[in-house]
Amino acid sequence: MASYSFLLYMIAAQTGYTPDELYYTFGDAHIYLNHIDQVRTQLERTPYKLPIVEVKPRATIDDYRAEDFIVSNYVFHPAIKAPVAV
């Protein structure tokens, strides 16, 4: 989803707009039975404040590079381990 957010920022910069919200639809989202505890853990977590995203301006959309994207104040919870569902 981060790459979609970066694309939103790139398009906004090239068109003179300010990015606001990104709506994303999952096409095949499901939860396996052996992941129920991990999903509960995720749902019980309080989200942190969103990070700050800055994108260096470029002349065209093809000029952007990975180092043009600066993400600061990114705070995250520890990873949630889950067995591979087969």
PDB file of N, CA and C in Angstrom:
ATOM      1  N   MET A   1       0.817  -1.193   0.000  1.00  0.00           N
ATOM      2  CA  MET A   1       0.000   0.000   0.000  1.00  0.00           C
ATOM      3  C   MET A   1       0.859   1.255   0.000  1.00  0.00           C
ATOM      4  N   ALA A   2       2.065   1.124   0.546  1.00  0.00           N
ATOM      5  CA  ALA A   2       2.948   2.298   0.535  1.00  0.00           C
ATOM      6  C   ALA A   2       3.240   2.736  -0.896  1.00  0.00           C
ATOM      7  N   SER A   3       3.445   1.779  -1.787  1.00  0.00           N
ATOM      8  CA  SER A   3       3.754   2.158  -3.173  1.00  0.00           C
ATOM      9  C   SER A   3       2.581   2.887  -3.817  1.00  0.00           C
ATOM     10  N   TYR A   4       1.347   2.500  -3.480  1.00  0.00           N
ATOM     11  CA  TYR A   4       0.181   3.215  -4.003  1.00  0.00           C
ATOM     12  C   TYR A   4       0.117   4.635  -3.434  1.00  0.00           C
ATOM     13  N   SER A   5       0.484   4.771  -2.176  1.00  0.00           N
ATOM     14  CA  SER A   5       0.510   6.107  -1.574  1.00  0.00           C
ATOM     15  C   SER A   5       1.555   6.986  -2.252  1.00  0.00           C
ATOM     16  N   PHE A   6       2.711   6.408  -2.520  1.00  0.00           N
ATOM     17  CA  PHE A   6       3.757   7.174  -3.208  1.00  0.00           C
ATOM     18  C   PHE A   6       3.296   7.580  -4.604  1.00  0.00           C
ATOM     19  N   LEU A   7       2.599   6.686  -5.291  1.00  0.00           N
ATOM     20  CA  LEU A   7       2.075   7.026  -6.616  1.00  0.00           C
ATOM     21  C   LEU A   7       1.082   8.181  -6.510  1.00  0.00           C
ATOM     22  N   LEU A   8       0.236   8.167  -5.478  1.00  0.00           N
ATOM     23  CA  LEU A   8      -0.709   9.259  -5.250  1.00  0.00           C
ATOM     24  C   LEU A   8       0.044  10.582  -5.086  1.00  0.00           C
ATOM     25  N   TYR A   9       1.119  10.570  -4.308  1.00  0.00           N
ATOM     26  CA  TYR A   9       1.926  11.782  -4.105  1.00  0.00           C
ATOM     27  C   TYR A   9       2.570  12.247  -5.408  1.00  0.00           C
ATOM     28  N   MET A  10       3.055  11.299  -6.204  1.00  0.00           N
ATOM     29  CA  MET A  10       3.687  11.660  -7.472  1.00  0.00           C
ATOM     30  C   MET A  10       2.694  12.304  -8.428  1.00  0.00           C
ATOM     31  N   ILE A  11       1.517  11.705  -8.545  1.00  0.00           N
ATOM     32  CA  ILE A  11       0.497  12.249  -9.448  1.00  0.00           C
ATOM     33  C   ILE A  11       0.031  13.612  -8.965  1.00  0.00           C
ATOM     34  N   ALA A  12      -0.154  13.755  -7.656  1.00  0.00           N
ATOM     35  CA  ALA A  12      -0.556  15.051  -7.107  1.00  0.00           C
ATOM     36  C   ALA A  12       0.491  16.115  -7.402  1.00  0.00           C
ATOM     37  N   ALA A  13       1.757  15.781  -7.222  1.00  0.00           N
ATOM     38  CA  ALA A  13       2.821  16.755  -7.480  1.00  0.00           C
ATOM     39  C   ALA A  13       2.852  17.159  -8.953  1.00  0.00           C
ATOM     40  N   GLN A  14       2.636  16.218  -9.828  1.00  0.00           N
ATOM     41  CA  GLN A  14       2.702  16.506 -11.258  1.00  0.00           C
ATOM     42  C   GLN A  14       1.489  17.281 -11.762  1.00  0.00           C
ATOM     43  N   THR A  15       0.378  17.192 -11.033  1.00  0.00           N
ATOM     44  CA  THR A  15      -0.856  17.866 -11.478  1.00  0.00           C
ATOM     45  C   THR A  15      -1.186  19.106 -10.662  1.00  0.00           C
ATOM     46  N   GLY A  16      -0.357  19.423  -9.669  1.00  0.00           N
ATOM     47  CA  GLY A  16      -0.577  20.622  -8.878  1.00  0.00           C
ATOM     48  C   GLY A  16      -1.591  20.467  -7.758  1.00  0.00           C
ATOM     49  N   TYR A  17      -1.908  19.248  -7.403  1.00  0.00           N
ATOM     50  CA  TYR A  17      -2.855  18.994  -6.318  1.00  0.00           C
ATOM     51  C   TYR A  17      -2.126  18.572  -5.051  1.00  0.00           C
ATOM     52  N   THR A  18      -2.862  18.568  -3.942  1.00  0.00           N
ATOM     53  CA  THR A  18      -2.336  18.091  -2.672  1.00  0.00           C
ATOM     54  C   THR A  18      -2.972  16.734  -2.379  1.00  0.00           C
ATOM     55  N   PRO A  19      -2.182  15.700  -2.117  1.00  0.00           N
ATOM     56  CA  PRO A  19      -2.773  14.392  -1.819  1.00  0.00           C
ATOM     57  C   PRO A  19      -3.567  14.448  -0.529  1.00  0.00           C
ATOM     58  N   ASP A  20      -4.674  13.709  -0.495  1.00  0.00           N
ATOM     59  CA  ASP A  20      -5.528  13.734   0.691  1.00  0.00           C
ATOM     60  C   ASP A  20      -5.730  12.326   1.235  1.00  0.00           C
ATOM     61  N   GLU A  21      -6.556  11.532   0.564  1.00  0.00           N
ATOM     62  CA  GLU A  21      -6.854  10.196   1.059  1.00  0.00           C
ATOM     63  C   GLU A  21      -6.667   9.171  -0.052  1.00  0.00           C
ATOM     64  N   LEU A  22      -6.295   7.977   0.354  1.00  0.00           N
ATOM     65  CA  LEU A  22      -6.161   6.868  -0.575  1.00  0.00           C
ATOM     66  C   LEU A  22      -7.176   5.812  -0.175  1.00  0.00           C
ATOM     67  N   TYR A  23      -8.047   5.452  -1.088  1.00  0.00           N
ATOM     68  CA  TYR A  23      -9.021   4.395  -0.860  1.00  0.00           C
ATOM     69  C   TYR A  23      -8.523   3.141  -1.547  1.00  0.00           C
ATOM     70  N   TYR A  24      -8.516   2.043  -0.833  1.00  0.00           N
ATOM     71  CA  TYR A  24      -7.974   0.796  -1.355  1.00  0.00           C
ATOM     72  C   TYR A  24      -9.005  -0.309  -1.157  1.00  0.00           C
ATOM     73  N   THR A  25      -9.212  -1.118  -2.163  1.00  0.00           N
ATOM     74  CA  THR A  25     -10.151  -2.231  -2.086  1.00  0.00           C
ATOM     75  C   THR A  25      -9.384  -3.534  -2.216  1.00  0.00           C
ATOM     76  N   PHE A  26      -9.580  -4.428  -1.284  1.00  0.00           N
ATOM     77  CA  PHE A  26      -8.943  -5.737  -1.338  1.00  0.00           C
ATOM     78  C   PHE A  26      -9.815  -6.673  -2.160  1.00  0.00           C
ATOM     79  N   GLY A  27      -9.218  -7.351  -3.113  1.00  0.00           N
ATOM     80  CA  GLY A  27      -9.975  -8.244  -3.986  1.00  0.00           C
ATOM     81  C   GLY A  27     -10.133  -9.642  -3.421  1.00  0.00           C
ATOM     82  N   ASP A  28      -9.167 -10.126  -2.652  1.00  0.00           N
ATOM     83  CA  ASP A  28      -9.228 -11.494  -2.146  1.00  0.00           C
ATOM     84  C   ASP A  28      -8.711 -11.513  -0.714  1.00  0.00           C
ATOM     85  N   ALA A  29      -9.427 -10.858   0.161  1.00  0.00           N
ATOM     86  CA  ALA A  29      -9.014 -10.795   1.569  1.00  0.00           C
ATOM     87  C   ALA A  29      -9.706 -11.914   2.338  1.00  0.00           C
ATOM     88  N   HIS A  30      -8.942 -12.641   3.105  1.00  0.00           N
ATOM     89  CA  HIS A  30      -9.504 -13.726   3.897  1.00  0.00           C
ATOM     90  C   HIS A  30      -8.601 -13.959   5.107  1.00  0.00           C
ATOM     91  N   ILE A  31      -9.147 -14.638   6.092  1.00  0.00           N
ATOM     92  CA  ILE A  31      -8.412 -14.970   7.310  1.00  0.00           C
ATOM     93  C   ILE A  31      -8.478 -16.481   7.493  1.00  0.00           C
ATOM     94  N   TYR A  32      -7.322 -17.096   7.659  1.00  0.00           N
ATOM     95  CA  TYR A  32      -7.271 -18.532   7.914  1.00  0.00           C
ATOM     96  C   TYR A  32      -7.590 -18.809   9.382  1.00  0.00           C
ATOM     97  N   LEU A  33      -8.132 -19.967   9.660  1.00  0.00           N
ATOM     98  CA  LEU A  33      -8.515 -20.319  11.031  1.00  0.00           C
ATOM     99  C   LEU A  33      -7.323 -20.292  11.981  1.00  0.00           C
ATOM    100  N   ASN A  34      -6.134 -20.664  11.500  1.00  0.00           N
ATOM    101  CA  ASN A  34      -4.971 -20.675  12.396  1.00  0.00           C
ATOM    102  C   ASN A  34      -4.338 -19.291  12.565  1.00  0.00           C
ATOM    103  N   HIS A  35      -5.020 -18.248  12.085  1.00  0.00           N
ATOM    104  CA  HIS A  35      -4.540 -16.875  12.259  1.00  0.00           C
ATOM    105  C   HIS A  35      -5.487 -16.015  13.095  1.00  0.00           C
ATOM    106  N   ILE A  36      -6.515 -16.616  13.659  1.00  0.00           N
ATOM    107  CA  ILE A  36      -7.525 -15.865  14.415  1.00  0.00           C
ATOM    108  C   ILE A  36      -6.892 -15.101  15.581  1.00  0.00           C
ATOM    109  N   ASP A  37      -6.008 -15.729  16.327  1.00  0.00           N
ATOM    110  CA  ASP A  37      -5.385 -15.047  17.477  1.00  0.00           C
ATOM    111  C   ASP A  37      -4.562 -13.840  17.030  1.00  0.00           C
ATOM    112  N   GLN A  38      -3.866 -13.977  15.919  1.00  0.00           N
ATOM    113  CA  GLN A  38      -3.054 -12.866  15.417  1.00  0.00           C
ATOM    114  C   GLN A  38      -3.940 -11.713  14.930  1.00  0.00           C
ATOM    115  N   VAL A  39      -5.059 -12.038  14.316  1.00  0.00           N
ATOM    116  CA  VAL A  39      -5.991 -11.003  13.871  1.00  0.00           C
ATOM    117  C   VAL A  39      -6.568 -10.265  15.080  1.00  0.00           C
ATOM    118  N   ARG A  40      -6.905 -11.000  16.117  1.00  0.00           N
ATOM    119  CA  ARG A  40      -7.415 -10.362  17.342  1.00  0.00           C
ATOM    120  C   ARG A  40      -6.366  -9.415  17.929  1.00  0.00           C
ATOM    121  N   THR A  41      -5.125  -9.859  17.947  1.00  0.00           N
ATOM    122  CA  THR A  41      -4.038  -9.001  18.439  1.00  0.00           C
ATOM    123  C   THR A  41      -3.965  -7.712  17.624  1.00  0.00           C
ATOM    124  N   GLN A  42      -4.038  -7.848  16.300  1.00  0.00           N
ATOM    125  CA  GLN A  42      -3.990  -6.670  15.428  1.00  0.00           C
ATOM    126  C   GLN A  42      -5.155  -5.728  15.710  1.00  0.00           C
ATOM    127  N   LEU A  43      -6.350  -6.263  15.857  1.00  0.00           N
ATOM    128  CA  LEU A  43      -7.538  -5.440  16.078  1.00  0.00           C
ATOM    129  C   LEU A  43      -7.529  -4.750  17.438  1.00  0.00           C
ATOM    130  N   GLU A  44      -6.838  -5.322  18.416  1.00  0.00           N
ATOM    131  CA  GLU A  44      -6.770  -4.729  19.753  1.00  0.00           C
ATOM    132  C   GLU A  44      -5.755  -3.591  19.841  1.00  0.00           C
ATOM    133  N   ARG A  45      -4.902  -3.459  18.871  1.00  0.00           N
ATOM    134  CA  ARG A  45      -3.865  -2.422  18.902  1.00  0.00           C
ATOM    135  C   ARG A  45      -4.445  -1.045  18.603  1.00  0.00           C
ATOM    136  N   THR A  46      -3.905  -0.066  19.294  1.00  0.00           N
ATOM    137  CA  THR A  46      -4.282   1.320  19.038  1.00  0.00           C
ATOM    138  C   THR A  46      -3.356   1.863  17.957  1.00  0.00           C
ATOM    139  N   PRO A  47      -3.914   2.384  16.868  1.00  0.00           N
ATOM    140  CA  PRO A  47      -3.051   2.908  15.796  1.00  0.00           C
ATOM    141  C   PRO A  47      -2.225   4.094  16.279  1.00  0.00           C
ATOM    142  N   TYR A  48      -1.026   4.197  15.755  1.00  0.00           N
ATOM    143  CA  TYR A  48      -0.168   5.337  16.048  1.00  0.00           C
ATOM    144  C   TYR A  48      -0.510   6.487  15.100  1.00  0.00           C
ATOM    145  N   LYS A  49      -0.005   7.655  15.428  1.00  0.00           N
ATOM    146  CA  LYS A  49      -0.168   8.808  14.550  1.00  0.00           C
ATOM    147  C   LYS A  49       0.490   8.495  13.206  1.00  0.00           C
ATOM    148  N   LEU A  50      -0.118   8.954  12.122  1.00  0.00           N
ATOM    149  CA  LEU A  50       0.418   8.684  10.794  1.00  0.00           C
ATOM    150  C   LEU A  50       1.768   9.370  10.593  1.00  0.00           C
ATOM    151  N   PRO A  51       2.651   8.743   9.819  1.00  0.00           N
ATOM    152  CA  PRO A  51       3.952   9.368   9.549  1.00  0.00           C
ATOM    153  C   PRO A  51       3.809  10.548   8.590  1.00  0.00           C
ATOM    154  N   ILE A  52       4.872  11.300   8.467  1.00  0.00           N
ATOM    155  CA  ILE A  52       4.935  12.418   7.526  1.00  0.00           C
ATOM    156  C   ILE A  52       5.612  11.917   6.253  1.00  0.00           C
ATOM    157  N   VAL A  53       5.003  12.193   5.116  1.00  0.00           N
ATOM    158  CA  VAL A  53       5.588  11.803   3.828  1.00  0.00           C
ATOM    159  C   VAL A  53       5.924  13.073   3.054  1.00  0.00           C
ATOM    160  N   GLU A  54       7.161  13.148   2.605  1.00  0.00           N
ATOM    161  CA  GLU A  54       7.600  14.260   1.763  1.00  0.00           C
ATOM    162  C   GLU A  54       8.167  13.676   0.481  1.00  0.00           C
ATOM    163  N   VAL A  55       7.879  14.330  -0.622  1.00  0.00           N
ATOM    164  CA  VAL A  55       8.378  13.877  -1.913  1.00  0.00           C
ATOM    165  C   VAL A  55       9.106  15.042  -2.571  1.00  0.00           C
ATOM    166  N   LYS A  56      10.337  14.802  -2.949  1.00  0.00           N
ATOM    167  CA  LYS A  56      11.099  15.841  -3.640  1.00  0.00           C
ATOM    168  C   LYS A  56      10.461  16.091  -5.010  1.00  0.00           C
ATOM    169  N   PRO A  57      10.333  17.340  -5.396  1.00  0.00           N
ATOM    170  CA  PRO A  57       9.724  17.640  -6.699  1.00  0.00           C
ATOM    171  C   PRO A  57      10.624  17.193  -7.850  1.00  0.00           C
ATOM    172  N   ARG A  58      10.001  16.722  -8.903  1.00  0.00           N
ATOM    173  CA  ARG A  58      10.702  16.301 -10.120  1.00  0.00           C
ATOM    174  C   ARG A  58       9.976  16.864 -11.332  1.00  0.00           C
ATOM    175  N   ALA A  59      10.669  16.980 -12.429  1.00  0.00           N
ATOM    176  CA  ALA A  59      10.103  17.582 -13.637  1.00  0.00           C
ATOM    177  C   ALA A  59       9.004  16.724 -14.255  1.00  0.00           C
ATOM    178  N   THR A  60       9.196  15.415 -14.269  1.00  0.00           N
ATOM    179  CA  THR A  60       8.182  14.512 -14.833  1.00  0.00           C
ATOM    180  C   THR A  60       7.996  13.322 -13.910  1.00  0.00           C
ATOM    181  N   ILE A  61       6.938  12.598 -14.108  1.00  0.00           N
ATOM    182  CA  ILE A  61       6.652  11.433 -13.260  1.00  0.00           C
ATOM    183  C   ILE A  61       7.700  10.338 -13.444  1.00  0.00           C
ATOM    184  N   ASP A  62       8.360  10.318 -14.585  1.00  0.00           N
ATOM    185  CA  ASP A  62       9.398   9.311 -14.836  1.00  0.00           C
ATOM    186  C   ASP A  62      10.720   9.620 -14.157  1.00  0.00           C
ATOM    187  N   ASP A  63      10.862  10.810 -13.590  1.00  0.00           N
ATOM    188  CA  ASP A  63      12.119  11.225 -12.970  1.00  0.00           C
ATOM    189  C   ASP A  63      12.267  10.811 -11.507  1.00  0.00           C
ATOM    190  N   TYR A  64      11.211  10.312 -10.878  1.00  0.00           N
ATOM    191  CA  TYR A  64      11.270   9.972  -9.457  1.00  0.00           C
ATOM    192  C   TYR A  64      12.142   8.745  -9.203  1.00  0.00           C
ATOM    193  N   ARG A  65      12.835   8.770  -8.074  1.00  0.00           N
ATOM    194  CA  ARG A  65      13.670   7.664  -7.614  1.00  0.00           C
ATOM    195  C   ARG A  65      13.314   7.385  -6.157  1.00  0.00           C
ATOM    196  N   ALA A  66      13.687   6.234  -5.671  1.00  0.00           N
ATOM    197  CA  ALA A  66      13.358   5.839  -4.296  1.00  0.00           C
ATOM    198  C   ALA A  66      13.836   6.867  -3.274  1.00  0.00           C
ATOM    199  N   GLU A  67      14.985   7.452  -3.503  1.00  0.00           N
ATOM    200  CA  GLU A  67      15.535   8.417  -2.538  1.00  0.00           C
ATOM    201  C   GLU A  67      14.778   9.746  -2.522  1.00  0.00           C
ATOM    202  N   ASP A  68      13.824   9.933  -3.429  1.00  0.00           N
ATOM    203  CA  ASP A  68      13.007  11.148  -3.456  1.00  0.00           C
ATOM    204  C   ASP A  68      11.884  11.122  -2.416  1.00  0.00           C
ATOM    205  N   PHE A  69      11.657   9.977  -1.786  1.00  0.00           N
ATOM    206  CA  PHE A  69      10.567   9.827  -0.824  1.00  0.00           C
ATOM    207  C   PHE A  69      11.134   9.769   0.581  1.00  0.00           C
ATOM    208  N   ILE A  70      10.701  10.710   1.410  1.00  0.00           N
ATOM    209  CA  ILE A  70      11.176  10.783   2.787  1.00  0.00           C
ATOM    210  C   ILE A  70       9.986  10.522   3.713  1.00  0.00           C
ATOM    211  N   VAL A  71      10.102   9.474   4.512  1.00  0.00           N
ATOM    212  CA  VAL A  71       9.055   9.132   5.481  1.00  0.00           C
ATOM    213  C   VAL A  71       9.647   9.356   6.864  1.00  0.00           C
ATOM    214  N   SER A  72       9.034  10.254   7.631  1.00  0.00           N
ATOM    215  CA  SER A  72       9.547  10.536   8.968  1.00  0.00           C
ATOM    216  C   SER A  72       8.450  10.332  10.001  1.00  0.00           C
ATOM    217  N   ASN A  73       8.882  10.162  11.231  1.00  0.00           N
ATOM    218  CA  ASN A  73       7.981   9.925  12.365  1.00  0.00           C
ATOM    219  C   ASN A  73       7.141   8.664  12.181  1.00  0.00           C
ATOM    220  N   TYR A  74       7.730   7.642  11.548  1.00  0.00           N
ATOM    221  CA  TYR A  74       7.036   6.369  11.349  1.00  0.00           C
ATOM    222  C   TYR A  74       7.225   5.505  12.586  1.00  0.00           C
ATOM    223  N   VAL A  75       6.147   5.265  13.312  1.00  0.00           N
ATOM    224  CA  VAL A  75       6.164   4.449  14.518  1.00  0.00           C
ATOM    225  C   VAL A  75       5.292   3.226  14.252  1.00  0.00           C
ATOM    226  N   PHE A  76       5.775   2.052  14.641  1.00  0.00           N
ATOM    227  CA  PHE A  76       5.035   0.825  14.340  1.00  0.00           C
ATOM    228  C   PHE A  76       5.064  -0.127  15.528  1.00  0.00           C
ATOM    229  N   HIS A  77       4.094  -1.008  15.553  1.00  0.00           N
ATOM    230  CA  HIS A  77       4.016  -2.055  16.570  1.00  0.00           C
ATOM    231  C   HIS A  77       4.968  -3.190  16.186  1.00  0.00           C
ATOM    232  N   PRO A  78       5.294  -4.043  17.144  1.00  0.00           N
ATOM    233  CA  PRO A  78       6.120  -5.211  16.809  1.00  0.00           C
ATOM    234  C   PRO A  78       5.386  -6.123  15.813  1.00  0.00           C
ATOM    235  N   ALA A  79       6.159  -6.883  15.071  1.00  0.00           N
ATOM    236  CA  ALA A  79       5.576  -7.825  14.103  1.00  0.00           C
ATOM    237  C   ALA A  79       4.743  -8.879  14.827  1.00  0.00           C
ATOM    238  N   ILE A  80       3.711  -9.345  14.166  1.00  0.00           N
ATOM    239  CA  ILE A  80       2.887 -10.430  14.682  1.00  0.00           C
ATOM    240  C   ILE A  80       3.228 -11.672  13.874  1.00  0.00           C
ATOM    241  N   LYS A  81       3.765 -12.663  14.536  1.00  0.00           N
ATOM    242  CA  LYS A  81       4.163 -13.915  13.877  1.00  0.00           C
ATOM    243  C   LYS A  81       2.940 -14.829  13.730  1.00  0.00           C
ATOM    244  N   ALA A  82       2.883 -15.505  12.595  1.00  0.00           N
ATOM    245  CA  ALA A  82       1.796 -16.453  12.351  1.00  0.00           C
ATOM    246  C   ALA A  82       2.323 -17.599  11.517  1.00  0.00           C
ATOM    247  N   PRO A  83       1.815 -18.792  11.764  1.00  0.00           N
ATOM    248  CA  PRO A  83       2.278 -19.942  10.959  1.00  0.00           C
ATOM    249  C   PRO A  83       1.756 -19.805   9.524  1.00  0.00           C
ATOM    250  N   VAL A  84       2.484 -20.378   8.604  1.00  0.00           N
ATOM    251  CA  VAL A  84       2.047 -20.381   7.218  1.00  0.00           C
ATOM    252  C   VAL A  84       0.824 -21.293   7.108  1.00  0.00           C
ATOM    253  N   ALA A  85      -0.227 -20.780   6.497  1.00  0.00           N
ATOM    254  CA  ALA A  85      -1.439 -21.581   6.316  1.00  0.00           C
ATOM    255  C   ALA A  85      -1.308 -22.391   5.031  1.00  0.00           C
ATOM    256  N   VAL A  86      -1.585 -23.651   5.124  1.00  0.00           N
ATOM    257  CA  VAL A  86      -1.482 -24.521   3.954  1.00  0.00           C
ATOM    258  C   VAL A  86      -2.838 -25.103   3.620  1.00  0.00           C
TER     259      VAL A  86
END
